[in-house]
Amino acid sequence: HVSVQPEGTAAKGGYAVVDFKVPNERDNASTTK
């Protein structure tokens, strides 16, 4: 499923870079949006 993970630490009150990871679950179609 679509998930979100920080690159490093996502600490309260601070700033962070997070990655939204999108896997393609279909064999006959691509994720376009």
PDB file of all heavy atoms in Angstrom:
ATOM      1  N   HIS A   1       0.834  -1.200   0.000  1.00  0.00           N
ATOM      2  CA  HIS A   1       0.000   0.000   0.000  1.00  0.00           C
ATOM      3  C   HIS A   1       0.872   1.255   0.000  1.00  0.00           C
ATOM      4  O   HIS A   1       2.087   1.203   0.245  1.00  0.00           O
ATOM      5  CB  HIS A   1      -0.940  -0.003   1.207  1.00  0.00           C
ATOM      6  CG  HIS A   1      -0.236  -0.153   2.520  1.00  0.00           C
ATOM      7  ND1 HIS A   1       0.543   0.839   3.075  1.00  0.00           N
ATOM      8  CD2 HIS A   1      -0.185  -1.192   3.398  1.00  0.00           C
ATOM      9  CE1 HIS A   1       1.034   0.437   4.230  1.00  0.00           C
ATOM     10  NE2 HIS A   1       0.626  -0.791   4.451  1.00  0.00           N
ATOM     11  N   VAL A   2       0.260   2.390  -0.262  1.00  0.00           N
ATOM     12  CA  VAL A   2       0.970   3.666  -0.221  1.00  0.00           C
ATOM     13  C   VAL A   2       1.379   3.943   1.225  1.00  0.00           C
ATOM     14  O   VAL A   2       0.558   3.836   2.136  1.00  0.00           O
ATOM     15  CB  VAL A   2       0.090   4.804  -0.757  1.00  0.00           C
ATOM     16  CG1 VAL A   2       0.812   6.145  -0.611  1.00  0.00           C
ATOM     17  CG2 VAL A   2      -0.265   4.557  -2.214  1.00  0.00           C
ATOM     18  N   SER A   3       2.626   4.303   1.433  1.00  0.00           N
ATOM     19  CA  SER A   3       3.129   4.521   2.792  1.00  0.00           C
ATOM     20  C   SER A   3       3.971   5.795   2.840  1.00  0.00           C
ATOM     21  O   SER A   3       4.310   6.371   1.804  1.00  0.00           O
ATOM     22  CB  SER A   3       3.969   3.326   3.260  1.00  0.00           C
ATOM     23  OG  SER A   3       5.083   3.139   2.400  1.00  0.00           O
ATOM     24  N   VAL A   4       4.303   6.228   4.060  1.00  0.00           N
ATOM     25  CA  VAL A   4       5.149   7.397   4.244  1.00  0.00           C
ATOM     26  C   VAL A   4       6.201   7.090   5.306  1.00  0.00           C
ATOM     27  O   VAL A   4       5.889   6.521   6.350  1.00  0.00           O
ATOM     28  CB  VAL A   4       4.321   8.642   4.643  1.00  0.00           C
ATOM     29  CG1 VAL A   4       3.549   8.404   5.938  1.00  0.00           C
ATOM     30  CG2 VAL A   4       5.221   9.870   4.784  1.00  0.00           C
ATOM     31  N   GLN A   5       7.448   7.423   4.994  1.00  0.00           N
ATOM     32  CA  GLN A   5       8.567   7.187   5.910  1.00  0.00           C
ATOM     33  C   GLN A   5       9.496   8.395   5.899  1.00  0.00           C
ATOM     34  O   GLN A   5       9.727   8.993   4.845  1.00  0.00           O
ATOM     35  CB  GLN A   5       9.349   5.936   5.506  1.00  0.00           C
ATOM     36  CG  GLN A   5       8.601   4.625   5.690  1.00  0.00           C
ATOM     37  CD  GLN A   5       8.354   4.308   7.162  1.00  0.00           C
ATOM     38  OE1 GLN A   5       9.113   4.732   8.030  1.00  0.00           O
ATOM     39  NE2 GLN A   5       7.296   3.573   7.440  1.00  0.00           N
ATOM     40  N   PRO A   6      10.048   8.755   7.057  1.00  0.00           N
ATOM     41  CA  PRO A   6      10.980   9.893   7.086  1.00  0.00           C
ATOM     42  C   PRO A   6      12.360   9.497   6.612  1.00  0.00           C
ATOM     43  O   PRO A   6      12.781   8.349   6.770  1.00  0.00           O
ATOM     44  CB  PRO A   6      10.988  10.293   8.565  1.00  0.00           C
ATOM     45  CG  PRO A   6      10.741   8.999   9.287  1.00  0.00           C
ATOM     46  CD  PRO A   6       9.799   8.210   8.413  1.00  0.00           C
ATOM     47  N   GLU A   7      13.079  10.444   6.046  1.00  0.00           N
ATOM     48  CA  GLU A   7      14.486  10.251   5.728  1.00  0.00           C
ATOM     49  C   GLU A   7      15.275  10.723   6.953  1.00  0.00           C
ATOM     50  O   GLU A   7      15.565  11.892   7.103  1.00  0.00           O
ATOM     51  CB  GLU A   7      14.886  11.053   4.490  1.00  0.00           C
ATOM     52  CG  GLU A   7      14.223  10.579   3.204  1.00  0.00           C
ATOM     53  CD  GLU A   7      14.715  11.343   1.987  1.00  0.00           C
ATOM     54  OE1 GLU A   7      15.650  12.170   2.146  1.00  0.00           O
ATOM     55  OE2 GLU A   7      14.169  11.136   0.892  1.00  0.00           O
ATOM     56  N   GLY A   8      15.564   9.817   7.832  1.00  0.00           N
ATOM     57  CA  GLY A   8      16.191  10.185   9.094  1.00  0.00           C
ATOM     58  C   GLY A   8      15.161  10.187  10.204  1.00  0.00           C
ATOM     59  O   GLY A   8      14.464   9.192  10.408  1.00  0.00           O
ATOM     60  N   THR A   9      15.022  11.308  10.900  1.00  0.00           N
ATOM     61  CA  THR A   9      14.103  11.402  12.028  1.00  0.00           C
ATOM     62  C   THR A   9      13.092  12.518  11.816  1.00  0.00           C
ATOM     63  O   THR A   9      13.454  13.608  11.383  1.00  0.00           O
ATOM     64  CB  THR A   9      14.876  11.682  13.338  1.00  0.00           C
ATOM     65  OG1 THR A   9      15.833  10.639  13.541  1.00  0.00           O
ATOM     66  CG2 THR A   9      13.929  11.725  14.520  1.00  0.00           C
ATOM     67  N   ALA A  10      11.834  12.213  12.105  1.00  0.00           N
ATOM     68  CA  ALA A  10      10.775  13.221  12.072  1.00  0.00           C
ATOM     69  C   ALA A  10      10.441  13.560  13.520  1.00  0.00           C
ATOM     70  O   ALA A  10       9.621  12.897  14.160  1.00  0.00           O
ATOM     71  CB  ALA A  10       9.548  12.694  11.336  1.00  0.00           C
ATOM     72  N   ALA A  11      11.121  14.561  14.060  1.00  0.00           N
ATOM     73  CA  ALA A  11      10.977  14.905  15.474  1.00  0.00           C
ATOM     74  C   ALA A  11       9.918  15.981  15.670  1.00  0.00           C
ATOM     75  O   ALA A  11       9.769  16.884  14.843  1.00  0.00           O
ATOM     76  CB  ALA A  11      12.315  15.365  16.049  1.00  0.00           C
ATOM     77  N   LYS A  12       9.222  15.887  16.771  1.00  0.00           N
ATOM     78  CA  LYS A  12       8.183  16.864  17.098  1.00  0.00           C
ATOM     79  C   LYS A  12       8.781  18.267  17.155  1.00  0.00           C
ATOM     80  O   LYS A  12       9.841  18.480  17.733  1.00  0.00           O
ATOM     81  CB  LYS A  12       7.537  16.524  18.440  1.00  0.00           C
ATOM     82  CG  LYS A  12       6.830  15.182  18.475  1.00  0.00           C
ATOM     83  CD  LYS A  12       6.252  14.903  19.856  1.00  0.00           C
ATOM     84  CE  LYS A  12       5.578  13.539  19.914  1.00  0.00           C
ATOM     85  NZ  LYS A  12       5.015  13.252  21.262  1.00  0.00           N
ATOM     86  N   GLY A  13       8.075  19.202  16.549  1.00  0.00           N
ATOM     87  CA  GLY A  13       8.516  20.585  16.577  1.00  0.00           C
ATOM     88  C   GLY A  13       9.579  20.932  15.555  1.00  0.00           C
ATOM     89  O   GLY A  13       9.937  22.099  15.412  1.00  0.00           O
ATOM     90  N   GLY A  14      10.081  19.923  14.829  1.00  0.00           N
ATOM     91  CA  GLY A  14      11.146  20.175  13.864  1.00  0.00           C
ATOM     92  C   GLY A  14      10.670  20.051  12.421  1.00  0.00           C
ATOM     93  O   GLY A  14       9.466  20.046  12.131  1.00  0.00           O
ATOM     94  N   TYR A  15      11.636  19.943  11.531  1.00  0.00           N
ATOM     95  CA  TYR A  15      11.362  19.782  10.107  1.00  0.00           C
ATOM     96  C   TYR A  15      11.935  18.441   9.653  1.00  0.00           C
ATOM     97  O   TYR A  15      12.886  17.930  10.246  1.00  0.00           O
ATOM     98  CB  TYR A  15      11.984  20.917   9.296  1.00  0.00           C
ATOM     99  CG  TYR A  15      11.283  22.248   9.491  1.00  0.00           C
ATOM    100  CD1 TYR A  15      11.474  22.988  10.657  1.00  0.00           C
ATOM    101  CD2 TYR A  15      10.430  22.757   8.526  1.00  0.00           C
ATOM    102  CE1 TYR A  15      10.835  24.199  10.848  1.00  0.00           C
ATOM    103  CE2 TYR A  15       9.788  23.972   8.699  1.00  0.00           C
ATOM    104  CZ  TYR A  15       9.992  24.692   9.864  1.00  0.00           C
ATOM    105  OH  TYR A  15       9.343  25.886  10.056  1.00  0.00           O
ATOM    106  N   ALA A  16      11.364  17.884   8.585  1.00  0.00           N
ATOM    107  CA  ALA A  16      11.822  16.575   8.115  1.00  0.00           C
ATOM    108  C   ALA A  16      11.540  16.428   6.634  1.00  0.00           C
ATOM    109  O   ALA A  16      10.681  17.124   6.069  1.00  0.00           O
ATOM    110  CB  ALA A  16      11.137  15.447   8.893  1.00  0.00           C
ATOM    111  N   VAL A  17      12.273  15.516   6.019  1.00  0.00           N
ATOM    112  CA  VAL A  17      11.995  15.107   4.640  1.00  0.00           C
ATOM    113  C   VAL A  17      11.379  13.722   4.708  1.00  0.00           C
ATOM    114  O   VAL A  17      11.955  12.812   5.305  1.00  0.00           O
ATOM    115  CB  VAL A  17      13.272  15.086   3.784  1.00  0.00           C
ATOM    116  CG1 VAL A  17      12.964  14.525   2.394  1.00  0.00           C
ATOM    117  CG2 VAL A  17      13.856  16.475   3.666  1.00  0.00           C
ATOM    118  N   VAL A  18      10.196  13.584   4.133  1.00  0.00           N
ATOM    119  CA  VAL A  18       9.504  12.298   4.155  1.00  0.00           C
ATOM    120  C   VAL A  18       9.295  11.811   2.729  1.00  0.00           C
ATOM    121  O   VAL A  18       9.202  12.607   1.786  1.00  0.00           O
ATOM    122  CB  VAL A  18       8.147  12.403   4.888  1.00  0.00           C
ATOM    123  CG1 VAL A  18       8.353  12.846   6.332  1.00  0.00           C
ATOM    124  CG2 VAL A  18       7.205  13.375   4.175  1.00  0.00           C
ATOM    125  N   ASP A  19       9.252  10.487   2.577  1.00  0.00           N
ATOM    126  CA  ASP A  19       9.033   9.862   1.271  1.00  0.00           C
ATOM    127  C   ASP A  19       7.680   9.171   1.234  1.00  0.00           C
ATOM    128  O   ASP A  19       7.412   8.310   2.077  1.00  0.00           O
ATOM    129  CB  ASP A  19      10.123   8.833   0.977  1.00  0.00           C
ATOM    130  CG  ASP A  19      11.495   9.455   0.835  1.00  0.00           C
ATOM    131  OD1 ASP A  19      11.574  10.609   0.385  1.00  0.00           O
ATOM    132  OD2 ASP A  19      12.492   8.787   1.164  1.00  0.00           O
ATOM    133  N   PHE A  20       6.845   9.547   0.269  1.00  0.00           N
ATOM    134  CA  PHE A  20       5.613   8.810   0.021  1.00  0.00           C
ATOM    135  C   PHE A  20       5.947   7.718  -0.996  1.00  0.00           C
ATOM    136  O   PHE A  20       6.292   8.005  -2.142  1.00  0.00           O
ATOM    137  CB  PHE A  20       4.516   9.732  -0.504  1.00  0.00           C
ATOM    138  CG  PHE A  20       4.000  10.699   0.537  1.00  0.00           C
ATOM    139  CD1 PHE A  20       4.506  11.983   0.623  1.00  0.00           C
ATOM    140  CD2 PHE A  20       3.033  10.300   1.444  1.00  0.00           C
ATOM    141  CE1 PHE A  20       4.047  12.862   1.587  1.00  0.00           C
ATOM    142  CE2 PHE A  20       2.572  11.176   2.424  1.00  0.00           C
ATOM    143  CZ  PHE A  20       3.086  12.459   2.489  1.00  0.00           C
ATOM    144  N   LYS A  21       5.882   6.470  -0.551  1.00  0.00           N
ATOM    145  CA  LYS A  21       6.258   5.335  -1.391  1.00  0.00           C
ATOM    146  C   LYS A  21       5.009   4.748  -2.039  1.00  0.00           C
ATOM    147  O   LYS A  21       4.060   4.372  -1.348  1.00  0.00           O
ATOM    148  CB  LYS A  21       6.968   4.282  -0.548  1.00  0.00           C
ATOM    149  CG  LYS A  21       7.463   3.082  -1.348  1.00  0.00           C
ATOM    150  CD  LYS A  21       8.176   2.098  -0.435  1.00  0.00           C
ATOM    151  CE  LYS A  21       8.625   0.862  -1.203  1.00  0.00           C
ATOM    152  NZ  LYS A  21       9.300  -0.115  -0.319  1.00  0.00           N
ATOM    153  N   VAL A  22       5.027   4.673  -3.369  1.00  0.00           N
ATOM    154  CA  VAL A  22       3.847   4.224  -4.121  1.00  0.00           C
ATOM    155  C   VAL A  22       4.208   2.995  -4.961  1.00  0.00           C
ATOM    156  O   VAL A  22       4.881   3.117  -5.991  1.00  0.00           O
ATOM    157  CB  VAL A  22       3.310   5.342  -5.035  1.00  0.00           C
ATOM    158  CG1 VAL A  22       2.067   4.883  -5.778  1.00  0.00           C
ATOM    159  CG2 VAL A  22       3.019   6.595  -4.225  1.00  0.00           C
ATOM    160  N   PRO A  23       3.795   1.807  -4.552  1.00  0.00           N
ATOM    161  CA  PRO A  23       4.017   0.614  -5.371  1.00  0.00           C
ATOM    162  C   PRO A  23       2.884   0.447  -6.391  1.00  0.00           C
ATOM    163  O   PRO A  23       1.762   0.887  -6.160  1.00  0.00           O
ATOM    164  CB  PRO A  23       3.991  -0.516  -4.343  1.00  0.00           C
ATOM    165  CG  PRO A  23       3.067  -0.008  -3.279  1.00  0.00           C
ATOM    166  CD  PRO A  23       3.209   1.490  -3.240  1.00  0.00           C
ATOM    167  N   ASN A  24       3.206  -0.168  -7.501  1.00  0.00           N
ATOM    168  CA  ASN A  24       2.163  -0.461  -8.491  1.00  0.00           C
ATOM    169  C   ASN A  24       1.648  -1.878  -8.239  1.00  0.00           C
ATOM    170  O   ASN A  24       2.404  -2.841  -8.312  1.00  0.00           O
ATOM    171  CB  ASN A  24       2.742  -0.355  -9.901  1.00  0.00           C
ATOM    172  CG  ASN A  24       1.643  -0.444 -10.959  1.00  0.00           C
ATOM    173  OD1 ASN A  24       0.470  -0.522 -10.628  1.00  0.00           O
ATOM    174  ND2 ASN A  24       2.027  -0.434 -12.222  1.00  0.00           N
ATOM    175  N   GLU A  25       0.353  -1.993  -7.935  1.00  0.00           N
ATOM    176  CA  GLU A  25      -0.230  -3.291  -7.578  1.00  0.00           C
ATOM    177  C   GLU A  25      -0.908  -3.989  -8.744  1.00  0.00           C
ATOM    178  O   GLU A  25      -1.500  -5.060  -8.565  1.00  0.00           O
ATOM    179  CB  GLU A  25      -1.252  -3.095  -6.460  1.00  0.00           C
ATOM    180  CG  GLU A  25      -0.677  -2.562  -5.166  1.00  0.00           C
ATOM    181  CD  GLU A  25      -1.751  -2.448  -4.106  1.00  0.00           C
ATOM    182  OE1 GLU A  25      -2.724  -1.710  -4.319  1.00  0.00           O
ATOM    183  OE2 GLU A  25      -1.619  -3.113  -3.075  1.00  0.00           O
ATOM    184  N   ARG A  26      -0.868  -3.405  -9.912  1.00  0.00           N
ATOM    185  CA  ARG A  26      -1.572  -3.980 -11.063  1.00  0.00           C
ATOM    186  C   ARG A  26      -0.581  -4.512 -12.085  1.00  0.00           C
ATOM    187  O   ARG A  26       0.514  -3.986 -12.257  1.00  0.00           O
ATOM    188  CB  ARG A  26      -2.476  -2.925 -11.709  1.00  0.00           C
ATOM    189  CG  ARG A  26      -3.504  -2.329 -10.756  1.00  0.00           C
ATOM    190  CD  ARG A  26      -4.510  -3.395 -10.299  1.00  0.00           C
ATOM    191  NE  ARG A  26      -5.479  -2.840  -9.353  1.00  0.00           N
ATOM    192  CZ  ARG A  26      -5.382  -2.948  -8.046  1.00  0.00           C
ATOM    193  NH1 ARG A  26      -4.338  -3.572  -7.500  1.00  0.00           N
ATOM    194  NH2 ARG A  26      -6.314  -2.436  -7.265  1.00  0.00           N
ATOM    195  N   ASP A  27      -1.004  -5.572 -12.790  1.00  0.00           N
ATOM    196  CA  ASP A  27      -0.164  -6.184 -13.823  1.00  0.00           C
ATOM    197  C   ASP A  27      -0.427  -5.602 -15.208  1.00  0.00           C
ATOM    198  O   ASP A  27       0.368  -5.800 -16.121  1.00  0.00           O
ATOM    199  CB  ASP A  27      -0.390  -7.702 -13.877  1.00  0.00           C
ATOM    200  CG  ASP A  27       0.029  -8.391 -12.586  1.00  0.00           C
ATOM    201  OD1 ASP A  27       0.979  -7.884 -11.946  1.00  0.00           O
ATOM    202  OD2 ASP A  27      -0.594  -9.405 -12.209  1.00  0.00           O
ATOM    203  N   ASN A  28      -1.561  -4.906 -15.352  1.00  0.00           N
ATOM    204  CA  ASN A  28      -1.961  -4.436 -16.677  1.00  0.00           C
ATOM    205  C   ASN A  28      -2.177  -2.922 -16.730  1.00  0.00           C
ATOM    206  O   ASN A  28      -2.812  -2.411 -17.658  1.00  0.00           O
ATOM    207  CB  ASN A  28      -3.245  -5.140 -17.123  1.00  0.00           C
ATOM    208  CG  ASN A  28      -4.386  -4.941 -16.140  1.00  0.00           C
ATOM    209  OD1 ASN A  28      -4.178  -4.384 -15.055  1.00  0.00           O
ATOM    210  ND2 ASN A  28      -5.578  -5.382 -16.516  1.00  0.00           N
ATOM    211  N   ALA A  29      -1.683  -2.182 -15.732  1.00  0.00           N
ATOM    212  CA  ALA A  29      -1.868  -0.728 -15.718  1.00  0.00           C
ATOM    213  C   ALA A  29      -0.752  -0.069 -14.921  1.00  0.00           C
ATOM    214  O   ALA A  29      -0.125  -0.697 -14.057  1.00  0.00           O
ATOM    215  CB  ALA A  29      -3.225  -0.363 -15.125  1.00  0.00           C
ATOM    216  N   SER A  30      -0.500   1.191 -15.209  1.00  0.00           N
ATOM    217  CA  SER A  30       0.524   1.964 -14.512  1.00  0.00           C
ATOM    218  C   SER A  30      -0.137   3.001 -13.603  1.00  0.00           C
ATOM    219  O   SER A  30      -1.260   3.441 -13.868  1.00  0.00           O
ATOM    220  CB  SER A  30       1.436   2.689 -15.508  1.00  0.00           C
ATOM    221  OG  SER A  30       2.108   1.770 -16.343  1.00  0.00           O
ATOM    222  N   THR A  31       0.568   3.369 -12.539  1.00  0.00           N
ATOM    223  CA  THR A  31       0.086   4.447 -11.678  1.00  0.00           C
ATOM    224  C   THR A  31       0.455   5.774 -12.332  1.00  0.00           C
ATOM    225  O   THR A  31       1.630   6.034 -12.601  1.00  0.00           O
ATOM    226  CB  THR A  31       0.731   4.367 -10.287  1.00  0.00           C
ATOM    227  OG1 THR A  31       0.329   3.148  -9.651  1.00  0.00           O
ATOM    228  CG2 THR A  31       0.302   5.541  -9.424  1.00  0.00           C
ATOM    229  N   THR A  32      -0.541   6.604 -12.591  1.00  0.00           N
ATOM    230  CA  THR A  32      -0.299   7.860 -13.305  1.00  0.00           C
ATOM    231  C   THR A  32      -0.590   9.099 -12.467  1.00  0.00           C
ATOM    232  O   THR A  32      -0.305  10.216 -12.898  1.00  0.00           O
ATOM    233  CB  THR A  32      -1.165   7.915 -14.575  1.00  0.00           C
ATOM    234  OG1 THR A  32      -2.538   7.736 -14.209  1.00  0.00           O
ATOM    235  CG2 THR A  32      -0.761   6.814 -15.551  1.00  0.00           C
ATOM    236  N   LYS A  33      -1.154   8.892 -11.255  1.00  0.00           N
ATOM    237  CA  LYS A  33      -1.493  10.058 -10.432  1.00  0.00           C
ATOM    238  C   LYS A  33      -1.530   9.666  -8.963  1.00  0.00           C
ATOM    239  O   LYS A  33      -1.973   8.588  -8.604  1.00  0.00           O
ATOM    240  CB  LYS A  33      -2.855  10.633 -10.861  1.00  0.00           C
ATOM    241  CG  LYS A  33      -3.235  11.937 -10.200  1.00  0.00           C
ATOM    242  CD  LYS A  33      -4.568  12.444 -10.762  1.00  0.00           C
ATOM    243  CE  LYS A  33      -4.979  13.762 -10.159  1.00  0.00           C
ATOM    244  NZ  LYS A  33      -6.279  14.234 -10.717  1.00  0.00           N
TER     245      LYS A  33
END
